[in-house]
Amino acid sequence: MPTRTNLFAAAFLRTNGRWSGAEVDLSEAEIADDVGDAVGEALGLSGDELVLLCVEVEDEWFALVRYEGDLDPRVFLSDAQAGVTDPLGELFAELAGIAVDKETPDLGVRPGGDFELLADFGLRAEELLELSVEEGMLPADVLSVVAERLAFGEELDRLR
Protein backbone atom coordinates (compact mmCIF):
# COMPACT_ATOMS: atom_id res chain seq x y z
CA MET A 1 0.00 0.00 0.00
CA PRO A 2 1.50 3.39 -0.93
CA THR A 3 2.50 5.77 1.86
CA ARG A 4 0.00 8.55 2.23
CA THR A 5 0.35 11.92 3.88
CA ASN A 6 -3.38 12.40 4.47
CA LEU A 7 -3.77 9.46 6.85
CA PHE A 8 -3.85 9.65 10.64
CA ALA A 9 -4.26 6.53 12.76
CA ALA A 10 -4.00 6.26 16.53
CA ALA A 11 -5.02 3.59 19.00
CA PHE A 12 -6.13 4.22 22.55
CA LEU A 13 -5.78 1.68 25.33
CA ARG A 14 -8.12 1.80 28.32
CA THR A 15 -6.64 0.60 31.60
CA ASN A 16 -7.88 1.42 35.10
CA GLY A 17 -10.42 3.88 33.72
CA ARG A 18 -7.80 5.93 31.85
CA TRP A 19 -6.83 6.09 28.20
CA SER A 20 -3.33 6.19 26.75
CA GLY A 21 -2.61 6.40 23.05
CA ALA A 22 -0.03 5.76 20.37
CA GLU A 23 0.13 6.51 16.69
CA VAL A 24 -0.36 3.43 14.51
CA ASP A 25 1.49 2.81 11.25
CA LEU A 26 -0.92 1.28 8.74
CA SER A 27 1.37 1.66 5.72
CA GLU A 28 2.11 -2.09 5.64
CA ALA A 29 -1.52 -3.21 6.14
CA GLU A 30 -2.54 -5.42 3.22
CA ILE A 31 -5.18 -7.63 4.85
CA ALA A 32 -7.65 -6.98 7.66
CA ASP A 33 -5.56 -8.89 10.25
CA ASP A 34 -2.63 -6.55 9.57
CA VAL A 35 -4.63 -3.70 11.10
CA GLY A 36 -4.99 -5.52 14.42
CA ASP A 37 -1.33 -6.53 14.33
CA ALA A 38 -0.28 -2.88 13.81
CA VAL A 39 -2.43 -1.81 16.76
CA GLY A 40 -0.96 -4.53 18.99
CA GLU A 41 2.56 -3.54 17.99
CA ALA A 42 1.98 0.19 18.58
CA LEU A 43 0.59 -0.35 22.07
CA GLY A 44 2.49 -3.49 23.12
CA LEU A 45 -0.72 -5.35 23.90
CA SER A 46 -0.97 -8.59 25.83
CA GLY A 47 -4.31 -9.56 24.36
CA ASP A 48 -7.22 -8.89 26.67
CA GLU A 49 -7.26 -5.08 26.77
CA LEU A 50 -9.90 -2.69 25.48
CA VAL A 51 -8.52 -0.67 22.58
CA LEU A 52 -10.11 1.84 20.25
CA LEU A 53 -8.44 2.57 16.91
CA CYS A 54 -9.28 5.90 15.28
CA VAL A 55 -8.43 6.38 11.61
CA GLU A 56 -9.07 9.46 9.52
CA VAL A 57 -8.35 9.90 5.86
CA GLU A 58 -8.27 13.63 5.28
CA ASP A 59 -11.69 15.09 4.48
CA GLU A 60 -13.00 11.82 3.12
CA TRP A 61 -13.82 9.20 5.75
CA PHE A 62 -12.99 7.83 9.17
CA ALA A 63 -13.12 4.48 10.91
CA LEU A 64 -13.45 3.43 14.54
CA VAL A 65 -12.37 -0.09 15.46
CA ARG A 66 -12.93 -1.54 18.90
CA TYR A 67 -10.71 -4.43 19.96
CA GLU A 68 -11.62 -6.21 23.16
CA GLY A 69 -9.83 -9.37 24.22
CA ASP A 70 -10.50 -12.34 21.96
CA LEU A 71 -13.73 -10.89 20.56
CA ASP A 72 -13.95 -10.03 16.88
CA PRO A 73 -13.19 -6.37 16.22
CA ARG A 74 -16.21 -4.09 16.07
CA VAL A 75 -15.98 -1.51 13.29
CA PHE A 76 -17.81 1.67 12.34
CA LEU A 77 -16.99 3.19 8.96
CA SER A 78 -18.22 6.72 8.22
CA ASP A 79 -18.61 5.94 4.53
CA ALA A 80 -19.35 2.40 3.42
CA GLN A 81 -18.14 3.29 -0.06
CA ALA A 82 -14.61 4.20 1.13
CA GLY A 83 -13.47 0.86 -0.26
CA VAL A 84 -14.38 1.71 -3.84
CA THR A 85 -11.35 3.92 -4.48
CA ASP A 86 -9.20 3.41 -1.39
CA PRO A 87 -7.37 0.13 -0.58
CA LEU A 88 -7.28 1.04 3.12
CA GLY A 89 -10.99 1.83 3.01
CA GLU A 90 -11.51 -1.60 1.50
CA LEU A 91 -9.73 -3.20 4.49
CA PHE A 92 -11.97 -1.36 6.93
CA ALA A 93 -15.09 -2.22 4.94
CA GLU A 94 -14.01 -5.87 5.10
CA LEU A 95 -13.44 -5.62 8.86
CA ALA A 96 -16.90 -4.07 9.23
CA GLY A 97 -18.53 -6.77 7.11
CA ILE A 98 -19.63 -4.22 4.51
CA ALA A 99 -20.01 -5.31 0.91
CA VAL A 100 -18.55 -2.49 -1.20
CA ASP A 101 -20.74 -1.64 -4.18
CA LYS A 102 -18.22 -1.04 -6.96
CA GLU A 103 -20.97 -1.00 -9.59
CA THR A 104 -22.61 2.10 -8.12
CA PRO A 105 -19.68 4.05 -6.67
CA ASP A 106 -21.45 7.40 -6.32
CA LEU A 107 -24.06 6.59 -3.69
CA GLY A 108 -23.11 9.48 -1.40
CA VAL A 109 -21.94 9.11 2.17
CA ARG A 110 -23.48 6.07 3.83
CA PRO A 111 -22.08 5.03 7.20
CA GLY A 112 -21.86 1.31 7.89
CA GLY A 113 -20.73 -1.31 10.35
CA ASP A 114 -21.40 -1.46 14.09
CA PHE A 115 -23.27 1.69 15.11
CA GLU A 116 -23.41 0.49 18.75
CA LEU A 117 -19.68 -0.01 19.34
CA LEU A 118 -19.48 2.94 21.75
CA ALA A 119 -22.95 2.74 23.31
CA ASP A 120 -21.57 1.44 26.62
CA PHE A 121 -19.48 4.63 26.81
CA GLY A 122 -22.58 6.79 26.39
CA LEU A 123 -22.28 7.49 22.67
CA ARG A 124 -25.51 6.11 21.23
CA ALA A 125 -25.82 4.79 17.69
CA GLU A 126 -28.06 7.70 16.69
CA GLU A 127 -25.47 10.23 17.84
CA LEU A 128 -22.63 8.49 16.01
CA LEU A 129 -24.70 8.38 12.83
CA GLU A 130 -25.74 12.01 13.22
CA LEU A 131 -22.13 13.15 13.70
CA SER A 132 -21.01 11.16 10.67
CA VAL A 133 -23.44 12.74 8.24
CA GLU A 134 -23.64 16.25 9.71
CA GLU A 135 -23.03 18.93 7.11
CA GLY A 136 -19.64 20.60 7.55
CA MET A 137 -18.24 17.98 9.96
CA LEU A 138 -14.90 16.64 8.78
CA PRO A 139 -13.62 13.22 9.89
CA ALA A 140 -11.12 14.92 12.21
CA ASP A 141 -13.97 16.90 13.82
CA VAL A 142 -16.04 13.78 14.44
CA LEU A 143 -13.10 11.89 15.95
CA SER A 144 -12.40 14.88 18.22
CA VAL A 145 -16.01 14.82 19.46
CA VAL A 146 -15.82 11.06 20.03
CA ALA A 147 -12.51 11.42 21.88
CA GLU A 148 -13.89 14.18 24.11
CA ARG A 149 -17.01 12.14 24.92
CA LEU A 150 -14.91 9.09 25.85
CA ALA A 151 -12.37 11.23 27.77
CA PHE A 152 -9.29 10.74 25.59
CA GLY A 153 -9.45 14.08 23.77
CA GLU A 154 -6.15 15.31 25.23
CA GLU A 155 -4.41 12.08 24.16
CA LEU A 156 -5.80 12.46 20.62
CA ASP A 157 -4.65 16.08 20.44
CA ARG A 158 -1.19 15.10 21.71
CA LEU A 159 -0.78 12.55 18.91
CA ARG A 160 -2.05 14.79 16.12
C-alpha atoms as a PDB file:
ATOM      1  CA  MET A   1       0.000   0.000   0.000  1.00  0.00           C
ATOM      2  CA  PRO A   2       1.504   3.387  -0.926  1.00  0.00           C
ATOM      3  CA  THR A   3       2.496   5.767   1.857  1.00  0.00           C
ATOM      4  CA  ARG A   4       0.001   8.553   2.225  1.00  0.00           C
ATOM      5  CA  THR A   5       0.346  11.919   3.879  1.00  0.00           C
ATOM      6  CA  ASN A   6      -3.377  12.404   4.471  1.00  0.00           C
ATOM      7  CA  LEU A   7      -3.768   9.460   6.854  1.00  0.00           C
ATOM      8  CA  PHE A   8      -3.852   9.650  10.639  1.00  0.00           C
ATOM      9  CA  ALA A   9      -4.265   6.533  12.757  1.00  0.00           C
ATOM     10  CA  ALA A  10      -3.996   6.257  16.526  1.00  0.00           C
ATOM     11  CA  ALA A  11      -5.021   3.589  19.002  1.00  0.00           C
ATOM     12  CA  PHE A  12      -6.135   4.217  22.548  1.00  0.00           C
ATOM     13  CA  LEU A  13      -5.783   1.680  25.330  1.00  0.00           C
ATOM     14  CA  ARG A  14      -8.123   1.800  28.321  1.00  0.00           C
ATOM     15  CA  THR A  15      -6.639   0.602  31.605  1.00  0.00           C
ATOM     16  CA  ASN A  16      -7.877   1.418  35.102  1.00  0.00           C
ATOM     17  CA  GLY A  17     -10.416   3.882  33.721  1.00  0.00           C
ATOM     18  CA  ARG A  18      -7.802   5.933  31.846  1.00  0.00           C
ATOM     19  CA  TRP A  19      -6.833   6.091  28.203  1.00  0.00           C
ATOM     20  CA  SER A  20      -3.328   6.189  26.750  1.00  0.00           C
ATOM     21  CA  GLY A  21      -2.605   6.401  23.047  1.00  0.00           C
ATOM     22  CA  ALA A  22      -0.033   5.759  20.371  1.00  0.00           C
ATOM     23  CA  GLU A  23       0.126   6.514  16.689  1.00  0.00           C
ATOM     24  CA  VAL A  24      -0.356   3.429  14.509  1.00  0.00           C
ATOM     25  CA  ASP A  25       1.490   2.809  11.249  1.00  0.00           C
ATOM     26  CA  LEU A  26      -0.924   1.276   8.739  1.00  0.00           C
ATOM     27  CA  SER A  27       1.370   1.655   5.724  1.00  0.00           C
ATOM     28  CA  GLU A  28       2.105  -2.086   5.645  1.00  0.00           C
ATOM     29  CA  ALA A  29      -1.520  -3.209   6.135  1.00  0.00           C
ATOM     30  CA  GLU A  30      -2.545  -5.423   3.223  1.00  0.00           C
ATOM     31  CA  ILE A  31      -5.179  -7.632   4.852  1.00  0.00           C
ATOM     32  CA  ALA A  32      -7.647  -6.984   7.665  1.00  0.00           C
ATOM     33  CA  ASP A  33      -5.565  -8.893  10.250  1.00  0.00           C
ATOM     34  CA  ASP A  34      -2.629  -6.554   9.568  1.00  0.00           C
ATOM     35  CA  VAL A  35      -4.634  -3.701  11.096  1.00  0.00           C
ATOM     36  CA  GLY A  36      -4.993  -5.524  14.421  1.00  0.00           C
ATOM     37  CA  ASP A  37      -1.325  -6.528  14.327  1.00  0.00           C
ATOM     38  CA  ALA A  38      -0.277  -2.883  13.806  1.00  0.00           C
ATOM     39  CA  VAL A  39      -2.431  -1.808  16.761  1.00  0.00           C
ATOM     40  CA  GLY A  40      -0.957  -4.525  18.992  1.00  0.00           C
ATOM     41  CA  GLU A  41       2.558  -3.541  17.991  1.00  0.00           C
ATOM     42  CA  ALA A  42       1.980   0.191  18.578  1.00  0.00           C
ATOM     43  CA  LEU A  43       0.593  -0.350  22.073  1.00  0.00           C
ATOM     44  CA  GLY A  44       2.493  -3.490  23.124  1.00  0.00           C
ATOM     45  CA  LEU A  45      -0.721  -5.355  23.897  1.00  0.00           C
ATOM     46  CA  SER A  46      -0.969  -8.588  25.834  1.00  0.00           C
ATOM     47  CA  GLY A  47      -4.309  -9.558  24.356  1.00  0.00           C
ATOM     48  CA  ASP A  48      -7.224  -8.886  26.669  1.00  0.00           C
ATOM     49  CA  GLU A  49      -7.255  -5.084  26.771  1.00  0.00           C
ATOM     50  CA  LEU A  50      -9.904  -2.691  25.479  1.00  0.00           C
ATOM     51  CA  VAL A  51      -8.520  -0.669  22.577  1.00  0.00           C
ATOM     52  CA  LEU A  52     -10.110   1.844  20.250  1.00  0.00           C
ATOM     53  CA  LEU A  53      -8.440   2.568  16.910  1.00  0.00           C
ATOM     54  CA  CYS A  54      -9.284   5.898  15.284  1.00  0.00           C
ATOM     55  CA  VAL A  55      -8.428   6.380  11.610  1.00  0.00           C
ATOM     56  CA  GLU A  56      -9.067   9.457   9.522  1.00  0.00           C
ATOM     57  CA  VAL A  57      -8.347   9.902   5.856  1.00  0.00           C
ATOM     58  CA  GLU A  58      -8.270  13.635   5.282  1.00  0.00           C
ATOM     59  CA  ASP A  59     -11.690  15.087   4.481  1.00  0.00           C
ATOM     60  CA  GLU A  60     -13.002  11.819   3.115  1.00  0.00           C
ATOM     61  CA  TRP A  61     -13.816   9.197   5.755  1.00  0.00           C
ATOM     62  CA  PHE A  62     -12.992   7.825   9.172  1.00  0.00           C
ATOM     63  CA  ALA A  63     -13.122   4.478  10.912  1.00  0.00           C
ATOM     64  CA  LEU A  64     -13.452   3.434  14.536  1.00  0.00           C
ATOM     65  CA  VAL A  65     -12.366  -0.088  15.455  1.00  0.00           C
ATOM     66  CA  ARG A  66     -12.927  -1.544  18.901  1.00  0.00           C
ATOM     67  CA  TYR A  67     -10.715  -4.435  19.961  1.00  0.00           C
ATOM     68  CA  GLU A  68     -11.620  -6.215  23.163  1.00  0.00           C
ATOM     69  CA  GLY A  69      -9.831  -9.365  24.224  1.00  0.00           C
ATOM     70  CA  ASP A  70     -10.499 -12.336  21.959  1.00  0.00           C
ATOM     71  CA  LEU A  71     -13.728 -10.885  20.556  1.00  0.00           C
ATOM     72  CA  ASP A  72     -13.955 -10.029  16.881  1.00  0.00           C
ATOM     73  CA  PRO A  73     -13.192  -6.366  16.222  1.00  0.00           C
ATOM     74  CA  ARG A  74     -16.210  -4.087  16.068  1.00  0.00           C
ATOM     75  CA  VAL A  75     -15.982  -1.510  13.291  1.00  0.00           C
ATOM     76  CA  PHE A  76     -17.807   1.667  12.341  1.00  0.00           C
ATOM     77  CA  LEU A  77     -16.992   3.195   8.960  1.00  0.00           C
ATOM     78  CA  SER A  78     -18.223   6.718   8.219  1.00  0.00           C
ATOM     79  CA  ASP A  79     -18.608   5.937   4.532  1.00  0.00           C
ATOM     80  CA  ALA A  80     -19.348   2.396   3.422  1.00  0.00           C
ATOM     81  CA  GLN A  81     -18.140   3.293  -0.058  1.00  0.00           C
ATOM     82  CA  ALA A  82     -14.609   4.198   1.127  1.00  0.00           C
ATOM     83  CA  GLY A  83     -13.469   0.860  -0.256  1.00  0.00           C
ATOM     84  CA  VAL A  84     -14.382   1.714  -3.839  1.00  0.00           C
ATOM     85  CA  THR A  85     -11.351   3.915  -4.478  1.00  0.00           C
ATOM     86  CA  ASP A  86      -9.198   3.411  -1.386  1.00  0.00           C
ATOM     87  CA  PRO A  87      -7.370   0.132  -0.580  1.00  0.00           C
ATOM     88  CA  LEU A  88      -7.277   1.039   3.125  1.00  0.00           C
ATOM     89  CA  GLY A  89     -10.993   1.828   3.009  1.00  0.00           C
ATOM     90  CA  GLU A  90     -11.512  -1.603   1.500  1.00  0.00           C
ATOM     91  CA  LEU A  91      -9.733  -3.198   4.490  1.00  0.00           C
ATOM     92  CA  PHE A  92     -11.971  -1.361   6.932  1.00  0.00           C
ATOM     93  CA  ALA A  93     -15.088  -2.219   4.935  1.00  0.00           C
ATOM     94  CA  GLU A  94     -14.012  -5.869   5.102  1.00  0.00           C
ATOM     95  CA  LEU A  95     -13.436  -5.620   8.858  1.00  0.00           C
ATOM     96  CA  ALA A  96     -16.904  -4.067   9.232  1.00  0.00           C
ATOM     97  CA  GLY A  97     -18.533  -6.771   7.111  1.00  0.00           C
ATOM     98  CA  ILE A  98     -19.628  -4.217   4.513  1.00  0.00           C
ATOM     99  CA  ALA A  99     -20.005  -5.306   0.906  1.00  0.00           C
ATOM    100  CA  VAL A 100     -18.547  -2.495  -1.199  1.00  0.00           C
ATOM    101  CA  ASP A 101     -20.743  -1.639  -4.178  1.00  0.00           C
ATOM    102  CA  LYS A 102     -18.218  -1.037  -6.957  1.00  0.00           C
ATOM    103  CA  GLU A 103     -20.970  -1.003  -9.593  1.00  0.00           C
ATOM    104  CA  THR A 104     -22.611   2.103  -8.115  1.00  0.00           C
ATOM    105  CA  PRO A 105     -19.675   4.046  -6.666  1.00  0.00           C
ATOM    106  CA  ASP A 106     -21.452   7.400  -6.322  1.00  0.00           C
ATOM    107  CA  LEU A 107     -24.057   6.590  -3.686  1.00  0.00           C
ATOM    108  CA  GLY A 108     -23.109   9.481  -1.404  1.00  0.00           C
ATOM    109  CA  VAL A 109     -21.941   9.114   2.173  1.00  0.00           C
ATOM    110  CA  ARG A 110     -23.476   6.070   3.829  1.00  0.00           C
ATOM    111  CA  PRO A 111     -22.075   5.033   7.203  1.00  0.00           C
ATOM    112  CA  GLY A 112     -21.862   1.312   7.894  1.00  0.00           C
ATOM    113  CA  GLY A 113     -20.734  -1.310  10.349  1.00  0.00           C
ATOM    114  CA  ASP A 114     -21.401  -1.461  14.086  1.00  0.00           C
ATOM    115  CA  PHE A 115     -23.265   1.687  15.115  1.00  0.00           C
ATOM    116  CA  GLU A 116     -23.411   0.494  18.750  1.00  0.00           C
ATOM    117  CA  LEU A 117     -19.676  -0.012  19.343  1.00  0.00           C
ATOM    118  CA  LEU A 118     -19.478   2.945  21.747  1.00  0.00           C
ATOM    119  CA  ALA A 119     -22.951   2.744  23.312  1.00  0.00           C
ATOM    120  CA  ASP A 120     -21.572   1.439  26.620  1.00  0.00           C
ATOM    121  CA  PHE A 121     -19.480   4.634  26.809  1.00  0.00           C
ATOM    122  CA  GLY A 122     -22.576   6.792  26.394  1.00  0.00           C
ATOM    123  CA  LEU A 123     -22.284   7.486  22.667  1.00  0.00           C
ATOM    124  CA  ARG A 124     -25.512   6.114  21.231  1.00  0.00           C
ATOM    125  CA  ALA A 125     -25.816   4.787  17.688  1.00  0.00           C
ATOM    126  CA  GLU A 126     -28.061   7.696  16.693  1.00  0.00           C
ATOM    127  CA  GLU A 127     -25.466  10.228  17.843  1.00  0.00           C
ATOM    128  CA  LEU A 128     -22.627   8.491  16.010  1.00  0.00           C
ATOM    129  CA  LEU A 129     -24.700   8.382  12.826  1.00  0.00           C
ATOM    130  CA  GLU A 130     -25.741  12.014  13.216  1.00  0.00           C
ATOM    131  CA  LEU A 131     -22.135  13.153  13.704  1.00  0.00           C
ATOM    132  CA  SER A 132     -21.010  11.155  10.670  1.00  0.00           C
ATOM    133  CA  VAL A 133     -23.440  12.743   8.239  1.00  0.00           C
ATOM    134  CA  GLU A 134     -23.636  16.247   9.710  1.00  0.00           C
ATOM    135  CA  GLU A 135     -23.030  18.927   7.107  1.00  0.00           C
ATOM    136  CA  GLY A 136     -19.639  20.598   7.553  1.00  0.00           C
ATOM    137  CA  MET A 137     -18.241  17.982   9.962  1.00  0.00           C
ATOM    138  CA  LEU A 138     -14.901  16.635   8.777  1.00  0.00           C
ATOM    139  CA  PRO A 139     -13.618  13.215   9.888  1.00  0.00           C
ATOM    140  CA  ALA A 140     -11.116  14.922  12.214  1.00  0.00           C
ATOM    141  CA  ASP A 141     -13.968  16.898  13.818  1.00  0.00           C
ATOM    142  CA  VAL A 142     -16.038  13.778  14.438  1.00  0.00           C
ATOM    143  CA  LEU A 143     -13.102  11.891  15.947  1.00  0.00           C
ATOM    144  CA  SER A 144     -12.404  14.878  18.219  1.00  0.00           C
ATOM    145  CA  VAL A 145     -16.008  14.824  19.456  1.00  0.00           C
ATOM    146  CA  VAL A 146     -15.820  11.055  20.030  1.00  0.00           C
ATOM    147  CA  ALA A 147     -12.506  11.420  21.876  1.00  0.00           C
ATOM    148  CA  GLU A 148     -13.892  14.178  24.111  1.00  0.00           C
ATOM    149  CA  ARG A 149     -17.011  12.138  24.917  1.00  0.00           C
ATOM    150  CA  LEU A 150     -14.907   9.095  25.846  1.00  0.00           C
ATOM    151  CA  ALA A 151     -12.365  11.229  27.774  1.00  0.00           C
ATOM    152  CA  PHE A 152      -9.289  10.743  25.591  1.00  0.00           C
ATOM    153  CA  GLY A 153      -9.447  14.085  23.770  1.00  0.00           C
ATOM    154  CA  GLU A 154      -6.149  15.306  25.228  1.00  0.00           C
ATOM    155  CA  GLU A 155      -4.413  12.084  24.160  1.00  0.00           C
ATOM    156  CA  LEU A 156      -5.800  12.463  20.621  1.00  0.00           C
ATOM    157  CA  ASP A 157      -4.648  16.081  20.435  1.00  0.00           C
ATOM    158  CA  ARG A 158      -1.189  15.103  21.709  1.00  0.00           C
ATOM    159  CA  LEU A 159      -0.779  12.551  18.906  1.00  0.00           C
ATOM    160  CA  ARG A 160      -2.046  14.786  16.125  1.00  0.00           C
END
